């Protein structure tokens, strides 16, 4: 068998054809607007795969990516051809059927099994053989196993069958062959063919191998699938119909309700014309490659949709304002904001009491504490005022983790498992970042006033003025008593109480009154500072939670919604 220019054998070389009149050639069909629809669907599938990156099972992600690449390759390689593959089990008669369809003995037929050990292709249109060769390269048919149907076979009276111009017919190795390479060749070709003819016979039609390995995975490809029950001549008419009905039942159980079943016999010719007309119809529809590609996209979309389906049937809702408020409250509790507020309040009042307190009271209480003894109970107001401020209460990391988990679960509980897992991964990352941010925020929070309030300084100056007046009054009173209370004194006459002593008493009483007045003023100022710091802390917690928790969760939810919408737009049948 000689090779042509492209390694394609022309079956006309087997005959010496007589001169034949010119005949009109059927033009290769154009895909037309259907390709634009498919291109749009492929674009949506690509966008969907980007949205679902790392969020699908390995099988679905790999299958969808494989389908996407396969469809792109098929569109790029001669979309006008219709690649029809004949697959079947050993001894089912597919090679005889191949020969009957091309009306010439090309495929070997014999008793030794398997007879077909490699793919054999017949190209109907020599003028477009170059484009068909690229398709056959992709499928894996060797160049020396490619034949041109040509214009004549057995004489000048034989038609070139222009109605089948786009057809490329392939006889595949047995799908149940003991040789793994044969099975691999069949798998590769059935995954790439535009039209699949699965051939079986009355003895093997119920064999589970081809149902499980092929048919169950072709539920989206029913428009590109034909099942041929061959060797019908071995049965009576009633038995043949019974076999066909039983085969139809098995196909229905596999989800293949729209696949035609044809009874054929290459010995008697039964059903061959009907099969040929079916192939002509599929070729004439000019949509075989598109139908196969559309079916592939349907399968990818359905696989993804099955994994994106919400658990409870409803699209998961994003974080509501109520959920955010609850999460912020829980996170705020984890930062011990109440304890921090109490610490700020107590620290302010302690420092205010030390700075604005009446020095006489401080001196008396210090003396009493020294007389009582005990280092721990010693009263040291001035030393306490200048000592290091107490540290803020630590972050309760377990509470942070619990608050974040609750917020995540509100969004993730209805999501499919891979997306829920991704949401929880976001939550785990957030716990670490949020804890570090809150730690830094708390460590930078001053529990006391940043600057000494002016009124503290004013009161302190007033106290020392009163103390000075009291000391001067006491000194004057002592001098007055030492001088015998002379009548020529220039001091004002204040009756039985000498003026210096009266000044000392008034100064001491005034200092005590100022001390009493400063205590409620300090409480009010501490309360205002407490509220101010609490608001500032709440804002910092809200900002950290928004940036590290809420924004990533909402973004992931929006990504899921986009993927779900894309999926719903892609799925045409389930």
Protein backbone atom coordinates (compact mmCIF):
# COMPACT_ATOMS: atom_id res chain seq x y z
CA UNK A 1 0.00 0.00 0.00
CA UNK A 2 1.79 3.12 -1.19
CA UNK A 3 1.79 6.50 0.51
CA UNK A 4 0.58 9.76 -1.00
CA UNK A 5 2.10 13.20 -0.62
CA UNK A 6 0.82 13.48 2.95
CA UNK A 7 1.19 9.84 3.89
CA UNK A 8 -2.50 9.33 3.00
CA UNK A 9 -3.30 6.34 0.83
CA UNK A 10 -5.70 7.01 -2.03
CA UNK A 11 -8.07 4.08 -2.38
CA UNK A 12 -8.43 4.96 -6.07
CA UNK A 13 -4.89 3.64 -6.55
CA UNK A 14 -6.30 0.19 -5.96
CA UNK A 15 -8.39 0.50 -9.15
CA UNK A 16 -7.83 1.81 -12.63
CA UNK A 17 -10.85 4.05 -12.94
CA UNK A 18 -12.33 4.98 -16.26
CA UNK A 19 -12.83 8.56 -17.28
CA UNK A 20 -15.75 10.12 -15.53
CA UNK A 21 -17.69 13.26 -16.25
CA UNK A 22 -17.21 16.29 -14.02
CA UNK A 23 -19.59 16.35 -11.07
CA UNK A 24 -20.42 19.25 -8.81
CA UNK A 25 -18.63 19.08 -5.48
CA UNK A 26 -20.47 19.81 -2.26
CA UNK A 27 -18.78 22.73 -0.49
CA UNK A 28 -17.34 22.20 2.96
CA UNK A 29 -19.92 23.44 5.46
CA UNK A 30 -19.25 26.56 7.45
CA UNK A 31 -19.87 26.72 11.15
CA UNK A 32 -21.50 30.14 11.08
CA UNK A 33 -23.02 31.89 14.05
CA UNK A 34 -22.95 28.80 16.22
CA UNK A 35 -19.22 29.23 16.73
CA UNK A 36 -19.79 32.69 18.19
CA UNK A 37 -22.13 31.23 20.76
CA UNK A 38 -19.60 28.53 21.60
CA UNK A 39 -16.82 31.10 21.82
CA UNK A 40 -18.91 33.09 24.29
CA UNK A 41 -19.53 29.98 26.39
CA UNK A 42 -15.83 29.15 26.34
CA UNK A 43 -15.05 32.65 27.57
CA UNK A 44 -17.49 32.20 30.44
CA UNK A 45 -16.01 28.79 31.23
CA UNK A 46 -12.52 30.31 31.37
CA UNK A 47 -13.79 33.05 33.69
CA UNK A 48 -15.50 30.40 35.81
CA UNK A 49 -12.29 28.39 36.14
CA UNK A 50 -10.47 31.53 37.28
CA UNK A 51 -13.15 32.28 39.88
CA UNK A 52 -13.07 28.70 41.16
CA UNK A 53 -9.30 28.32 41.20
CA UNK A 54 -8.24 26.12 44.14
CA UNK A 55 -11.89 25.74 45.12
CA UNK A 56 -12.85 22.64 43.14
CA UNK A 57 -11.98 19.00 43.60
CA UNK A 58 -8.91 17.83 41.71
CA UNK A 59 -11.00 15.68 39.37
CA UNK A 60 -13.43 18.46 38.41
CA UNK A 61 -10.68 21.07 37.99
CA UNK A 62 -8.57 18.78 35.82
CA UNK A 63 -11.55 17.58 33.76
CA UNK A 64 -12.80 21.13 33.15
CA UNK A 65 -9.33 22.31 32.17
CA UNK A 66 -8.91 19.32 29.85
CA UNK A 67 -12.28 20.00 28.22
CA UNK A 68 -11.44 23.67 27.74
CA UNK A 69 -8.14 22.87 26.04
CA UNK A 70 -9.74 20.13 23.93
CA UNK A 71 -12.52 22.38 22.65
CA UNK A 72 -10.07 25.15 21.80
CA UNK A 73 -7.96 22.65 19.89
CA UNK A 74 -11.01 21.30 18.04
CA UNK A 75 -12.12 24.77 16.98
CA UNK A 76 -8.63 25.56 15.75
CA UNK A 77 -8.40 22.31 13.72
CA UNK A 78 -10.80 22.31 10.74
CA UNK A 79 -14.22 22.84 12.34
CA UNK A 80 -15.78 22.01 8.97
CA UNK A 81 -14.91 18.32 9.14
CA UNK A 82 -17.04 15.75 10.94
CA UNK A 83 -14.83 13.17 12.65
CA UNK A 84 -16.90 10.02 13.12
CA UNK A 85 -15.38 7.23 15.19
CA UNK A 86 -16.59 3.61 15.18
CA UNK A 87 -15.89 1.99 18.55
CA UNK A 88 -16.86 -1.41 19.80
CA UNK A 89 -15.88 -4.61 21.53
CA UNK A 90 -13.88 -7.44 20.05
CA UNK A 91 -15.87 -9.33 17.43
CA UNK A 92 -18.75 -6.85 17.32
CA UNK A 93 -18.26 -6.35 13.56
CA UNK A 94 -17.21 -2.72 13.61
CA UNK A 95 -14.53 -3.26 10.93
CA UNK A 96 -17.13 -4.88 8.68
CA UNK A 97 -19.40 -1.93 9.36
CA UNK A 98 -16.54 0.45 8.51
CA UNK A 99 -16.04 -1.31 5.17
CA UNK A 100 -19.79 -1.28 4.49
CA UNK A 101 -20.03 2.44 5.12
CA UNK A 102 -17.17 3.34 2.80
CA UNK A 103 -18.33 0.60 0.38
CA UNK A 104 -14.87 -0.80 0.00
CA UNK A 105 -12.82 -3.48 1.80
CA UNK A 106 -10.21 -1.45 3.65
CA UNK A 107 -10.36 -2.63 7.26
CA UNK A 108 -9.17 -6.24 7.82
CA UNK A 109 -11.90 -8.65 8.87
CA UNK A 110 -11.07 -12.09 10.24
CA UNK A 111 -11.46 -14.64 12.96
CA UNK A 112 -8.28 -13.70 14.84
CA UNK A 113 -9.02 -11.25 17.71
CA UNK A 114 -8.37 -8.46 17.94
CA UNK A 115 -8.48 -7.79 14.22
CA UNK A 116 -8.18 -3.98 14.46
CA UNK A 117 -4.99 -3.19 16.33
CA UNK A 118 -4.66 0.46 15.35
CA UNK A 119 -6.91 3.25 14.15
CA UNK A 120 -7.81 3.29 10.47
CA UNK A 121 -9.22 6.48 8.88
CA UNK A 122 -10.98 7.25 5.63
CA UNK A 123 -11.21 10.85 4.40
CA UNK A 124 -14.00 11.59 1.93
CA UNK A 125 -12.75 14.85 0.46
CA UNK A 126 -9.21 14.84 -1.02
CA UNK A 127 -9.22 18.62 -1.48
CA UNK A 128 -9.45 19.16 2.29
CA UNK A 129 -7.23 16.25 3.29
CA UNK A 130 -4.56 18.56 4.70
CA UNK A 131 -6.95 19.99 7.31
CA UNK A 132 -8.23 16.50 8.09
CA UNK A 133 -4.65 15.32 8.60
CA UNK A 134 -4.22 17.77 11.49
CA UNK A 135 -7.34 16.33 13.12
CA UNK A 136 -6.08 12.79 12.72
CA UNK A 137 -2.72 13.79 14.17
CA UNK A 138 -4.57 15.03 17.24
CA UNK A 139 -6.55 11.81 17.54
CA UNK A 140 -3.49 9.67 16.98
CA UNK A 141 -4.19 7.86 13.69
CA UNK A 142 -0.89 7.00 12.00
CA UNK A 143 -0.27 8.59 8.59
CA UNK A 144 0.03 5.23 6.83
CA UNK A 145 -3.43 4.29 8.12
CA UNK A 146 -5.22 7.20 6.42
CA UNK A 147 -7.06 6.66 3.12
CA UNK A 148 -8.74 9.03 0.72
CA UNK A 149 -12.26 8.04 -0.26
CA UNK A 150 -11.66 9.70 -3.60
CA UNK A 151 -14.11 10.26 -6.41
CA UNK A 152 -14.30 6.72 -7.82
CA UNK A 153 -13.90 3.27 -6.36
CA UNK A 154 -15.21 0.49 -8.53
CA UNK A 155 -15.74 2.17 -11.87
CA UNK A 156 -17.01 5.29 -13.50
CA UNK A 157 -20.55 4.70 -12.34
CA UNK A 158 -19.66 4.98 -8.62
CA UNK A 159 -20.58 8.35 -7.08
CA UNK A 160 -18.11 10.32 -5.00
CA UNK A 161 -20.93 10.91 -2.46
CA UNK A 162 -20.71 14.70 -2.25
CA UNK A 163 -23.24 14.65 0.61
CA UNK A 164 -20.49 13.14 2.80
CA UNK A 165 -17.73 15.55 1.80
CA UNK A 166 -16.90 16.68 5.38
CA UNK A 167 -16.80 13.12 6.75
CA UNK A 168 -13.70 11.55 8.28
CA UNK A 169 -14.52 7.98 9.35
CA UNK A 170 -12.28 6.14 11.84
CA UNK A 171 -12.27 2.45 12.71
CA UNK A 172 -10.91 2.22 16.28
CA UNK A 173 -9.21 -0.66 18.08
CA UNK A 174 -11.38 -2.80 20.37
CA UNK A 175 -12.21 -1.00 23.59
CA UNK A 176 -12.03 -4.30 25.52
CA UNK A 177 -8.72 -5.36 24.04
CA UNK A 178 -6.23 -7.05 26.34
CA UNK A 179 -3.59 -4.70 24.95
CA UNK A 180 -3.59 -1.50 26.98
CA UNK A 181 -2.33 0.58 24.05
CA UNK A 182 -5.45 -0.38 22.07
CA UNK A 183 -7.72 0.75 24.88
CA UNK A 184 -5.79 4.00 25.26
CA UNK A 185 -6.12 4.73 21.53
CA UNK A 186 -9.87 4.16 21.76
CA UNK A 187 -10.19 6.40 24.82
CA UNK A 188 -8.28 9.19 23.10
CA UNK A 189 -10.33 8.99 19.92
CA UNK A 190 -13.73 8.80 21.62
CA UNK A 191 -12.81 11.88 23.65
CA UNK A 192 -12.02 13.83 20.46
CA UNK A 193 -14.54 12.52 17.87
CA UNK A 194 -17.46 14.69 16.76
CA UNK A 195 -19.78 11.72 16.22
CA UNK A 196 -19.47 8.38 18.06
CA UNK A 197 -20.82 5.11 16.68
CA UNK A 198 -20.69 2.49 19.44
CA UNK A 199 -21.09 -0.97 17.90
CA UNK A 200 -22.20 -3.97 19.92
CA UNK A 201 -23.86 -7.30 19.19
CA UNK A 202 -26.57 -9.50 20.74
CA UNK A 203 -24.00 -11.31 22.88
CA UNK A 204 -22.20 -8.28 24.34
CA UNK A 205 -24.75 -5.47 24.39
CA UNK A 206 -25.27 -5.86 28.16
CA UNK A 207 -21.55 -6.03 28.94
CA UNK A 208 -20.92 -3.61 31.83
CA UNK A 209 -17.46 -2.59 30.62
CA UNK A 210 -18.54 -0.24 27.83
CA UNK A 211 -21.50 1.09 29.80
CA UNK A 212 -19.37 1.98 32.81
CA UNK A 213 -16.28 3.13 30.92
CA UNK A 214 -17.93 5.14 28.17
CA UNK A 215 -21.70 5.51 28.06
CA UNK A 216 -22.29 6.64 31.64
CA UNK A 217 -19.91 9.56 31.05
CA UNK A 218 -21.61 10.67 27.84
CA UNK A 219 -24.95 11.86 29.22
CA UNK A 220 -24.20 15.36 27.88
CA UNK A 221 -23.17 13.99 24.46
CA UNK A 222 -26.37 12.26 23.38
CA UNK A 223 -26.66 14.39 20.24
CA UNK A 224 -23.24 13.11 19.14
CA UNK A 225 -23.80 9.44 20.02
CA UNK A 226 -25.33 6.52 18.07
CA UNK A 227 -25.52 2.93 19.36
CA UNK A 228 -25.46 0.23 16.69
CA UNK A 229 -26.71 -3.27 17.55
CA UNK A 230 -24.91 -5.24 14.85
CA UNK A 231 -25.24 -8.87 13.69
CA UNK A 232 -29.03 -8.73 13.81
CA UNK A 233 -29.08 -11.53 11.24
CA UNK A 234 -28.04 -13.96 13.99
CA UNK A 235 -31.44 -13.48 15.67
CA UNK A 236 -35.03 -13.77 14.62
CA UNK A 237 -36.89 -10.52 14.05
CA UNK A 238 -38.68 -10.78 17.40
CA UNK A 239 -35.49 -11.60 19.30
CA UNK A 240 -33.65 -8.73 17.59
CA UNK A 241 -36.38 -6.30 18.63
CA UNK A 242 -36.30 -7.69 22.18
CA UNK A 243 -32.52 -7.14 22.33
CA UNK A 244 -32.94 -3.59 21.06
CA UNK A 245 -35.61 -2.88 23.69
CA UNK A 246 -33.43 -4.30 26.46
CA UNK A 247 -30.49 -2.25 25.23
CA UNK A 248 -32.71 0.83 25.26
CA UNK A 249 -33.64 0.08 28.87
CA UNK A 250 -29.97 -0.19 29.85
CA UNK A 251 -29.19 3.09 28.12
CA UNK A 252 -32.08 4.79 29.89
CA UNK A 253 -30.76 3.58 33.23
CA UNK A 254 -27.43 5.16 32.29
CA UNK A 255 -29.17 8.48 31.60
CA UNK A 256 -29.02 8.13 27.82
CA UNK A 257 -32.66 8.58 26.90
CA UNK A 258 -32.14 10.33 23.54
CA UNK A 259 -29.53 8.06 21.94
CA UNK A 260 -30.76 6.34 18.76
CA UNK A 261 -30.37 2.54 18.53
CA UNK A 262 -30.00 1.01 15.07
CA UNK A 263 -30.23 -2.68 14.20
CA UNK A 264 -27.72 -3.55 11.47
CA UNK A 265 -26.23 -6.56 9.70
CA UNK A 266 -23.26 -6.29 7.40
CA UNK A 267 -24.17 -9.70 5.94
CA UNK A 268 -27.74 -8.93 4.96
CA UNK A 269 -27.40 -5.15 4.68
CA UNK A 270 -30.17 -4.56 7.24
CA UNK A 271 -30.07 -1.09 8.74
CA UNK A 272 -27.00 0.01 6.79
CA UNK A 273 -28.91 2.46 4.65
CA UNK A 274 -30.63 3.87 7.72
CA UNK A 275 -27.26 4.30 9.47
CA UNK A 276 -25.82 5.91 6.37
CA UNK A 277 -28.72 8.34 6.16
CA UNK A 278 -28.28 9.20 9.83
CA UNK A 279 -24.62 10.02 9.22
CA UNK A 280 -25.55 12.05 6.13
CA UNK A 281 -28.09 13.96 8.23
CA UNK A 282 -25.53 14.72 10.92
CA UNK A 283 -23.03 15.83 8.31
CA UNK A 284 -25.62 17.90 6.47
CA UNK A 285 -26.61 19.69 9.69
CA UNK A 286 -23.10 21.18 9.64
CA UNK A 287 -23.03 21.25 13.43
CA UNK A 288 -21.31 18.00 14.45
CA UNK A 289 -18.12 19.62 15.74
CA UNK A 290 -20.12 22.34 17.47
CA UNK A 291 -22.47 19.85 19.07
CA UNK A 292 -19.56 17.86 20.43
CA UNK A 293 -17.85 20.99 21.75
CA UNK A 294 -21.09 22.30 23.23
CA UNK A 295 -21.61 18.93 24.90
CA UNK A 296 -18.10 19.07 26.32
CA UNK A 297 -18.79 22.53 27.76
CA UNK A 298 -22.08 21.22 29.17
CA UNK A 299 -20.23 18.44 30.95
CA UNK A 300 -17.64 20.82 32.43
CA UNK A 301 -20.34 23.27 33.53
CA UNK A 302 -22.43 20.52 35.11
CA UNK A 303 -19.45 19.10 37.00
CA UNK A 304 -18.63 22.54 38.38
CA UNK A 305 -22.27 23.34 39.14
CA UNK A 306 -22.57 20.14 41.17
CA UNK A 307 -19.72 21.29 43.38
CA UNK A 308 -20.93 24.89 43.65
CA UNK A 309 -24.47 24.01 44.67
CA UNK A 310 -25.32 25.56 48.07
CA UNK A 311 -25.82 23.03 50.84
CA UNK A 312 -29.33 24.15 51.71
CA UNK A 313 -30.39 25.02 48.16
CA UNK A 314 -30.25 28.78 48.74
CA UNK A 315 -27.45 31.10 47.75
CA UNK A 316 -25.42 31.95 50.89
CA UNK A 317 -25.92 35.47 52.18
CA UNK A 318 -23.07 37.82 52.88
CA UNK A 319 -22.30 39.25 56.32
CA UNK A 320 -25.24 41.32 57.51
CA UNK A 321 -24.76 44.48 59.60
CA UNK A 322 -26.15 42.55 62.57
CA UNK A 323 -23.59 39.79 62.07
CA UNK A 324 -20.79 42.35 61.83
CA UNK A 325 -21.97 44.05 65.01
CA UNK A 326 -22.10 40.73 66.85
CA UNK A 327 -18.59 39.86 65.65
CA UNK A 328 -17.26 43.29 66.68
CA UNK A 329 -18.84 42.95 70.10
CA UNK A 330 -17.27 39.52 70.57
CA UNK A 331 -13.87 40.75 69.39
CA UNK A 332 -14.17 43.76 71.69
CA UNK A 333 -14.84 41.42 74.60
CA UNK A 334 -11.75 39.45 73.67
CA UNK A 335 -9.67 42.63 74.04
CA UNK A 336 -10.96 43.08 77.62
CA UNK A 337 -12.19 46.54 76.75
CA UNK A 338 -14.29 46.68 79.92
CA UNK A 339 -11.24 45.87 82.03
CA UNK A 340 -9.24 48.42 80.07
CA UNK A 341 -11.90 51.06 80.67
CA UNK A 342 -11.91 50.29 84.38
CA UNK A 343 -8.12 50.55 84.44
CA UNK A 344 -8.19 53.90 82.66
CA UNK A 345 -10.80 55.20 85.08
CA UNK A 346 -8.92 54.03 88.17
CA UNK A 347 -5.56 55.28 86.89
CA UNK A 348 -6.92 58.74 86.13
CA UNK A 349 -8.57 59.08 89.51
CA UNK A 350 -5.46 57.81 91.31
CA UNK A 351 -3.21 60.24 89.51
CA UNK A 352 -5.70 63.09 89.99
CA UNK A 353 -5.92 62.33 93.69
CA UNK A 354 -2.15 62.33 93.99
CA UNK A 355 -1.66 65.60 92.13
CA UNK A 356 -4.74 67.57 93.27
CA UNK A 357 -5.05 66.09 96.76
CA UNK A 358 -4.59 68.30 99.86
CA UNK A 359 -0.97 67.88 100.95
CA UNK A 360 -2.01 67.89 104.61
CA UNK A 361 -4.27 64.86 104.01
CA UNK A 362 -1.47 63.10 102.18
CA UNK A 363 0.93 63.82 105.05
CA UNK A 364 -1.51 62.59 107.69
CA UNK A 365 -2.34 59.38 105.81
CA UNK A 366 1.36 58.72 105.18
CA UNK A 367 2.11 59.14 108.87
CA UNK A 368 -0.72 56.82 109.84
CA UNK A 369 0.43 54.16 107.33
CA UNK A 370 3.98 54.35 108.72
CA UNK A 371 2.75 54.00 112.28
CA UNK A 372 0.72 50.94 111.30
CA UNK A 373 3.77 49.42 109.64
CA UNK A 374 3.93 47.03 106.71
CA UNK A 375 5.61 47.91 103.45
CA UNK A 376 2.64 46.78 101.35
CA UNK A 377 0.17 49.02 103.18
CA UNK A 378 2.40 52.11 103.12
CA UNK A 379 0.67 55.15 101.65
CA UNK A 380 2.85 56.79 98.93
CA UNK A 381 0.68 59.12 96.87
CA UNK A 382 3.50 61.11 95.28
CA UNK A 383 5.61 58.09 94.41
CA UNK A 384 2.54 56.36 92.93
CA UNK A 385 1.87 59.29 90.67
CA UNK A 386 5.24 59.09 89.02
CA UNK A 387 5.53 55.28 88.92
CA UNK A 388 5.16 53.38 85.64
CA UNK A 389 1.58 53.01 84.49
CA UNK A 390 0.06 49.51 84.69
CA UNK A 391 0.03 47.53 81.45
CA UNK A 392 -3.27 47.10 79.59
CA UNK A 393 -5.01 43.72 80.06
CA UNK A 394 -3.79 41.08 77.57
CA UNK A 395 -5.72 39.93 74.50
CA UNK A 396 -7.75 36.76 75.03
CA UNK A 397 -6.64 34.96 71.87
CA UNK A 398 -9.08 32.11 72.37
CA UNK A 399 -11.95 34.59 72.41
CA UNK A 400 -10.65 36.23 69.24
CA UNK A 401 -10.54 32.85 67.52
CA UNK A 402 -14.06 32.03 68.66
CA UNK A 403 -15.43 35.39 67.49
CA UNK A 404 -13.80 35.03 64.07
CA UNK A 405 -15.06 31.44 63.72
CA UNK A 406 -18.62 32.57 64.45
CA UNK A 407 -18.40 35.31 61.80
CA UNK A 408 -16.98 32.87 59.25
CA UNK A 409 -19.61 30.23 59.96
CA UNK A 410 -22.38 32.74 59.35
CA UNK A 411 -21.21 33.02 55.74
CA UNK A 412 -19.73 29.57 55.15
CA UNK A 413 -22.47 27.36 56.61
CA UNK A 414 -24.44 27.25 53.33
CA UNK A 415 -21.45 27.15 50.99
CA UNK A 416 -20.18 23.99 49.32
CA UNK A 417 -17.36 22.23 51.14
CA UNK A 418 -14.37 23.61 49.14
CA UNK A 419 -15.60 27.19 49.48
CA UNK A 420 -16.43 26.74 53.17
CA UNK A 421 -12.92 25.37 53.66
CA UNK A 422 -11.46 28.41 51.92
CA UNK A 423 -13.56 30.74 54.08
CA UNK A 424 -12.28 29.01 57.21
CA UNK A 425 -8.73 29.29 55.89
CA UNK A 426 -9.32 33.04 55.60
CA UNK A 427 -10.60 33.00 59.17
CA UNK A 428 -7.47 31.21 60.40
CA UNK A 429 -5.22 33.75 58.70
CA UNK A 430 -7.36 36.54 60.12
CA UNK A 431 -7.08 35.22 63.68
CA UNK A 432 -3.29 35.49 63.59
CA UNK A 433 -3.22 38.91 61.94
CA UNK A 434 -6.06 40.30 64.01
CA UNK A 435 -4.52 39.13 67.27
CA UNK A 436 -1.19 40.74 66.38
CA UNK A 437 -2.91 43.97 65.36
CA UNK A 438 -4.99 44.12 68.54
CA UNK A 439 -1.94 43.36 70.67
CA UNK A 440 -0.11 46.26 69.05
CA UNK A 441 -3.15 48.50 69.47
CA UNK A 442 -3.54 47.70 73.16
CA UNK A 443 0.15 47.98 73.91
CA UNK A 444 0.09 51.46 72.38
CA UNK A 445 -2.92 52.56 74.41
CA UNK A 446 -2.17 54.95 77.30
CA UNK A 447 -4.17 54.10 80.38
CA UNK A 448 -3.57 57.54 81.84
CA UNK A 449 -4.00 61.02 80.39
CA UNK A 450 -1.39 61.80 77.78
CA UNK A 451 -0.74 65.30 79.22
CA UNK A 452 -1.25 66.62 82.75
CA UNK A 453 -4.62 68.42 82.68
CA UNK A 454 -4.44 72.14 83.26
CA UNK A 455 -6.89 72.05 86.11
CA UNK A 456 -4.60 69.66 87.97
CA UNK A 457 -1.82 72.24 87.77
CA UNK A 458 -4.17 75.03 88.85
CA UNK A 459 -5.39 73.07 91.85
CA UNK A 460 -1.85 72.07 92.76
CA UNK A 461 -0.70 75.71 92.70
CA UNK A 462 -3.75 76.71 94.78
CA UNK A 463 -2.99 74.00 97.34
CA UNK A 464 0.59 75.17 97.78
CA UNK A 465 -0.57 78.76 98.09
CA UNK A 466 -2.99 77.69 100.82
CA UNK A 467 -0.25 75.62 102.45
CA UNK A 468 2.02 78.63 102.38
CA UNK A 469 -0.72 80.78 103.91
CA UNK A 470 -1.35 78.15 106.57
CA UNK A 471 2.36 77.93 107.44
CA UNK A 472 2.68 81.72 107.54
CA UNK A 473 -0.42 81.88 109.74
CA UNK A 474 0.90 79.26 112.12
CA UNK A 475 4.25 81.09 112.32
CA UNK A 476 2.49 84.40 112.95
CA UNK A 477 0.33 82.82 115.60
CA UNK A 478 3.42 81.48 117.38
CA UNK A 479 5.10 84.89 117.19
CA UNK A 480 1.96 86.56 118.39
CA UNK A 481 1.78 84.25 121.38
CA UNK A 482 5.46 84.70 122.13
CA UNK A 483 5.08 88.46 122.18
CA UNK A 484 2.23 88.17 124.65
CA UNK A 485 -0.32 89.40 122.19
CA UNK A 486 0.73 93.01 122.44
CA UNK A 487 -1.94 95.58 121.88
CA UNK A 488 0.24 97.69 119.63
CA UNK A 489 0.17 94.93 116.98
CA UNK A 490 -0.52 96.12 113.47
CA UNK A 491 -2.52 92.97 112.73
CA UNK A 492 -6.27 93.24 112.40
CA UNK A 493 -8.22 92.66 115.58
CA UNK A 494 -10.08 89.38 115.18
CA UNK A 495 -11.30 89.03 118.72
CA UNK A 496 -10.34 86.07 120.80
CA UNK A 497 -8.76 84.27 117.81
CA UNK A 498 -5.57 85.94 116.71
CA UNK A 499 -5.46 86.98 113.10
CA UNK A 500 -2.46 84.75 112.16
CA UNK A 501 -4.15 81.74 113.68
CA UNK A 502 -7.37 82.60 111.87
CA UNK A 503 -5.44 82.80 108.58
CA UNK A 504 -3.92 79.37 109.21
CA UNK A 505 -7.28 77.83 110.05
CA UNK A 506 -8.97 79.37 107.02
CA UNK A 507 -6.16 78.17 104.73
CA UNK A 508 -6.34 74.63 106.13
CA UNK A 509 -10.13 74.50 105.81
CA UNK A 510 -10.00 75.95 102.30
CA UNK A 511 -7.43 73.34 101.26
CA UNK A 512 -9.63 70.55 102.62
CA UNK A 513 -12.67 71.96 100.79
CA UNK A 514 -10.72 72.19 97.51
CA UNK A 515 -9.60 68.59 98.07
CA UNK A 516 -13.20 67.49 98.51
CA UNK A 517 -14.33 69.41 95.42
CA UNK A 518 -11.60 67.86 93.27
CA UNK A 519 -12.77 64.29 93.87
CA UNK A 520 -16.09 64.50 91.93
CA UNK A 521 -14.35 66.63 89.31
CA UNK A 522 -11.79 63.85 88.89
CA UNK A 523 -14.53 61.23 88.63
CA UNK A 524 -16.29 63.21 85.89
CA UNK A 525 -13.04 63.79 84.01
CA UNK A 526 -12.13 60.09 84.33
CA UNK A 527 -15.52 59.11 82.95
CA UNK A 528 -15.05 61.41 79.96
CA UNK A 529 -11.57 59.99 79.32
CA UNK A 530 -12.94 56.47 79.69
CA UNK A 531 -15.59 57.10 77.03
CA UNK A 532 -13.11 58.78 74.71
CA UNK A 533 -10.58 55.94 74.92
CA UNK A 534 -13.34 53.33 74.56
CA UNK A 535 -14.57 55.02 71.39
CA UNK A 536 -11.05 55.18 70.03
CA UNK A 537 -10.42 51.52 70.88
CA UNK A 538 -13.74 50.48 69.36
CA UNK A 539 -12.86 52.31 66.15
CA UNK A 540 -9.46 50.64 66.02
CA UNK A 541 -11.01 47.21 66.57
CA UNK A 542 -13.61 47.94 63.89
CA UNK A 543 -10.92 49.06 61.44
CA UNK A 544 -8.77 46.00 62.10
CA UNK A 545 -11.75 43.62 61.82
CA UNK A 546 -12.96 45.32 58.64
CA UNK A 547 -9.58 45.09 56.97
CA UNK A 548 -8.54 41.64 58.17
CA UNK A 549 -11.86 39.80 58.49
CA UNK A 550 -14.94 41.38 56.97
CA UNK A 551 -13.40 42.56 53.69
CA UNK A 552 -11.80 39.17 52.85
CA UNK A 553 -15.00 37.31 53.78
CA UNK A 554 -17.18 39.59 51.68
CA UNK A 555 -14.73 39.37 48.76
CA UNK A 556 -14.76 35.56 48.94
CA UNK A 557 -18.56 35.54 49.09
CA UNK A 558 -18.75 37.85 46.08
CA UNK A 559 -16.35 35.55 44.25
CA UNK A 560 -18.61 32.60 44.99
CA UNK A 561 -21.68 34.50 43.81
CA UNK A 562 -19.92 35.42 40.55
CA UNK A 563 -18.94 31.79 40.03
CA UNK A 564 -22.47 30.60 40.78
CA UNK A 565 -23.98 33.10 38.34
CA UNK A 566 -21.48 32.08 35.65
CA UNK A 567 -22.33 28.44 36.27
CA UNK A 568 -26.06 29.02 35.98
CA UNK A 569 -25.48 30.80 32.68
CA UNK A 570 -23.39 27.90 31.37
CA UNK A 571 -25.48 24.91 32.40
CA UNK A 572 -28.01 24.12 29.69
CA UNK A 573 -28.96 20.64 30.87
CA UNK A 574 -28.20 18.52 33.88
